[in-house]
Amino acid sequence: MSDAFVVGDPDGLSPLLVALRDAIARELHAQLALRGERIALADLPEVSYQITLRVDETLRCTRPGAAGRAQSPE
């Protein structure tokens, strides 16, 4: 049983996975808004790159000794 269930997290995700899910969702929302609610196949490499940057930002802020939390570019 994961710790998420022990502390009562209803979706069963660890705090890191919750942070990653939220970062990915924010970036996808931003990319869809920029592209008129549609992501073309040709745009997937750029969208993937931007999501990777958000994930990296999130991971950097969850490492021991990291100062503060990641700020959304919105």
C-alpha atoms as a PDB file:
ATOM      1  CA  MET A   1       0.000   0.000   0.000  1.00  0.00           C
ATOM      2  CA  SER A   2       1.388   3.392  -0.910  1.00  0.00           C
ATOM      3  CA  ASP A   3       1.797   6.201   1.602  1.00  0.00           C
ATOM      4  CA  ALA A   4      -0.772   8.216  -0.368  1.00  0.00           C
ATOM      5  CA  PHE A   5      -3.531   5.875   0.788  1.00  0.00           C
ATOM      6  CA  VAL A   6      -2.288   6.007   4.363  1.00  0.00           C
ATOM      7  CA  VAL A   7      -2.584   9.817   4.509  1.00  0.00           C
ATOM      8  CA  GLY A   8      -5.973   9.758   2.810  1.00  0.00           C
ATOM      9  CA  ASP A   9      -5.095  11.105  -0.632  1.00  0.00           C
ATOM     10  CA  PRO A  10      -8.180  10.154  -2.675  1.00  0.00           C
ATOM     11  CA  ASP A  11      -6.418   9.733  -6.006  1.00  0.00           C
ATOM     12  CA  GLY A  12      -3.687   7.550  -4.509  1.00  0.00           C
ATOM     13  CA  LEU A  13      -0.803   9.589  -5.912  1.00  0.00           C
ATOM     14  CA  SER A  14       2.318  10.573  -4.022  1.00  0.00           C
ATOM     15  CA  PRO A  15       2.959  14.301  -3.538  1.00  0.00           C
ATOM     16  CA  LEU A  16       5.595  14.174  -6.306  1.00  0.00           C
ATOM     17  CA  LEU A  17       3.192  12.556  -8.759  1.00  0.00           C
ATOM     18  CA  VAL A  18       0.512  15.111  -7.846  1.00  0.00           C
ATOM     19  CA  ALA A  19       2.994  17.929  -8.534  1.00  0.00           C
ATOM     20  CA  LEU A  20       3.991  16.343 -11.870  1.00  0.00           C
ATOM     21  CA  ARG A  21       0.352  15.780 -12.867  1.00  0.00           C
ATOM     22  CA  ASP A  22      -0.465  19.400 -12.078  1.00  0.00           C
ATOM     23  CA  ALA A  23       2.571  20.748 -13.964  1.00  0.00           C
ATOM     24  CA  ILE A  24       1.710  18.661 -17.033  1.00  0.00           C
ATOM     25  CA  ALA A  25      -1.944  19.714 -16.895  1.00  0.00           C
ATOM     26  CA  ARG A  26      -1.002  23.412 -16.615  1.00  0.00           C
ATOM     27  CA  GLU A  27       1.342  23.187 -19.602  1.00  0.00           C
ATOM     28  CA  LEU A  28      -1.151  21.250 -21.731  1.00  0.00           C
ATOM     29  CA  HIS A  29      -3.805  23.835 -20.882  1.00  0.00           C
ATOM     30  CA  ALA A  30      -1.429  26.644 -21.899  1.00  0.00           C
ATOM     31  CA  GLN A  31      -0.427  24.894 -25.126  1.00  0.00           C
ATOM     32  CA  LEU A  32      -4.047  24.220 -26.093  1.00  0.00           C
ATOM     33  CA  ALA A  33      -4.937  27.859 -25.430  1.00  0.00           C
ATOM     34  CA  LEU A  34      -2.022  29.001 -27.620  1.00  0.00           C
ATOM     35  CA  ARG A  35      -3.037  26.658 -30.424  1.00  0.00           C
ATOM     36  CA  GLY A  36      -6.769  27.249 -30.551  1.00  0.00           C
ATOM     37  CA  GLU A  37      -7.810  24.194 -28.502  1.00  0.00           C
ATOM     38  CA  ARG A  38      -6.060  21.858 -30.917  1.00  0.00           C
ATOM     39  CA  ILE A  39      -2.571  20.396 -31.083  1.00  0.00           C
ATOM     40  CA  ALA A  40      -1.466  19.429 -34.571  1.00  0.00           C
ATOM     41  CA  LEU A  41       0.686  16.350 -35.016  1.00  0.00           C
ATOM     42  CA  ALA A  42       3.525  18.554 -36.278  1.00  0.00           C
ATOM     43  CA  ASP A  43       3.404  20.526 -33.004  1.00  0.00           C
ATOM     44  CA  LEU A  44       3.880  17.507 -30.733  1.00  0.00           C
ATOM     45  CA  PRO A  45       7.691  17.837 -30.476  1.00  0.00           C
ATOM     46  CA  GLU A  46       7.381  21.447 -29.264  1.00  0.00           C
ATOM     47  CA  VAL A  47       4.527  20.622 -26.887  1.00  0.00           C
ATOM     48  CA  SER A  48       6.517  17.679 -25.505  1.00  0.00           C
ATOM     49  CA  TYR A  49       9.551  19.929 -25.033  1.00  0.00           C
ATOM     50  CA  GLN A  50       7.515  22.499 -23.109  1.00  0.00           C
ATOM     51  CA  ILE A  51       6.009  19.792 -20.896  1.00  0.00           C
ATOM     52  CA  THR A  52       9.500  18.431 -20.249  1.00  0.00           C
ATOM     53  CA  LEU A  53      10.604  21.882 -19.088  1.00  0.00           C
ATOM     54  CA  ARG A  54       7.672  22.051 -16.633  1.00  0.00           C
ATOM     55  CA  VAL A  55       8.468  18.552 -15.308  1.00  0.00           C
ATOM     56  CA  ASP A  56      12.133  19.517 -14.866  1.00  0.00           C
ATOM     57  CA  GLU A  57      11.071  22.678 -13.011  1.00  0.00           C
ATOM     58  CA  THR A  58       8.846  20.630 -10.727  1.00  0.00           C
ATOM     59  CA  LEU A  59      11.540  18.058 -10.015  1.00  0.00           C
ATOM     60  CA  ARG A  60      14.106  20.752  -9.244  1.00  0.00           C
ATOM     61  CA  CYS A  61      11.754  22.282  -6.679  1.00  0.00           C
ATOM     62  CA  THR A  62      11.066  18.974  -4.930  1.00  0.00           C
ATOM     63  CA  ARG A  63      14.711  18.037  -4.395  1.00  0.00           C
ATOM     64  CA  PRO A  64      16.161  18.522  -0.917  1.00  0.00           C
ATOM     65  CA  GLY A  65      17.597  21.997  -0.513  1.00  0.00           C
ATOM     66  CA  ALA A  66      15.481  23.498  -3.296  1.00  0.00           C
ATOM     67  CA  ALA A  67      14.299  26.988  -2.471  1.00  0.00           C
ATOM     68  CA  GLY A  68      10.589  27.638  -2.880  1.00  0.00           C
ATOM     69  CA  ARG A  69       8.100  26.068  -5.246  1.00  0.00           C
ATOM     70  CA  ALA A  70       7.924  26.223  -8.998  1.00  0.00           C
ATOM     71  CA  GLN A  71       6.074  29.255 -10.266  1.00  0.00           C
ATOM     72  CA  SER A  72       3.742  28.868 -13.179  1.00  0.00           C
ATOM     73  CA  PRO A  73       4.751  30.985 -16.209  1.00  0.00           C
ATOM     74  CA  GLU A  74       1.098  32.000 -16.601  1.00  0.00           C
END
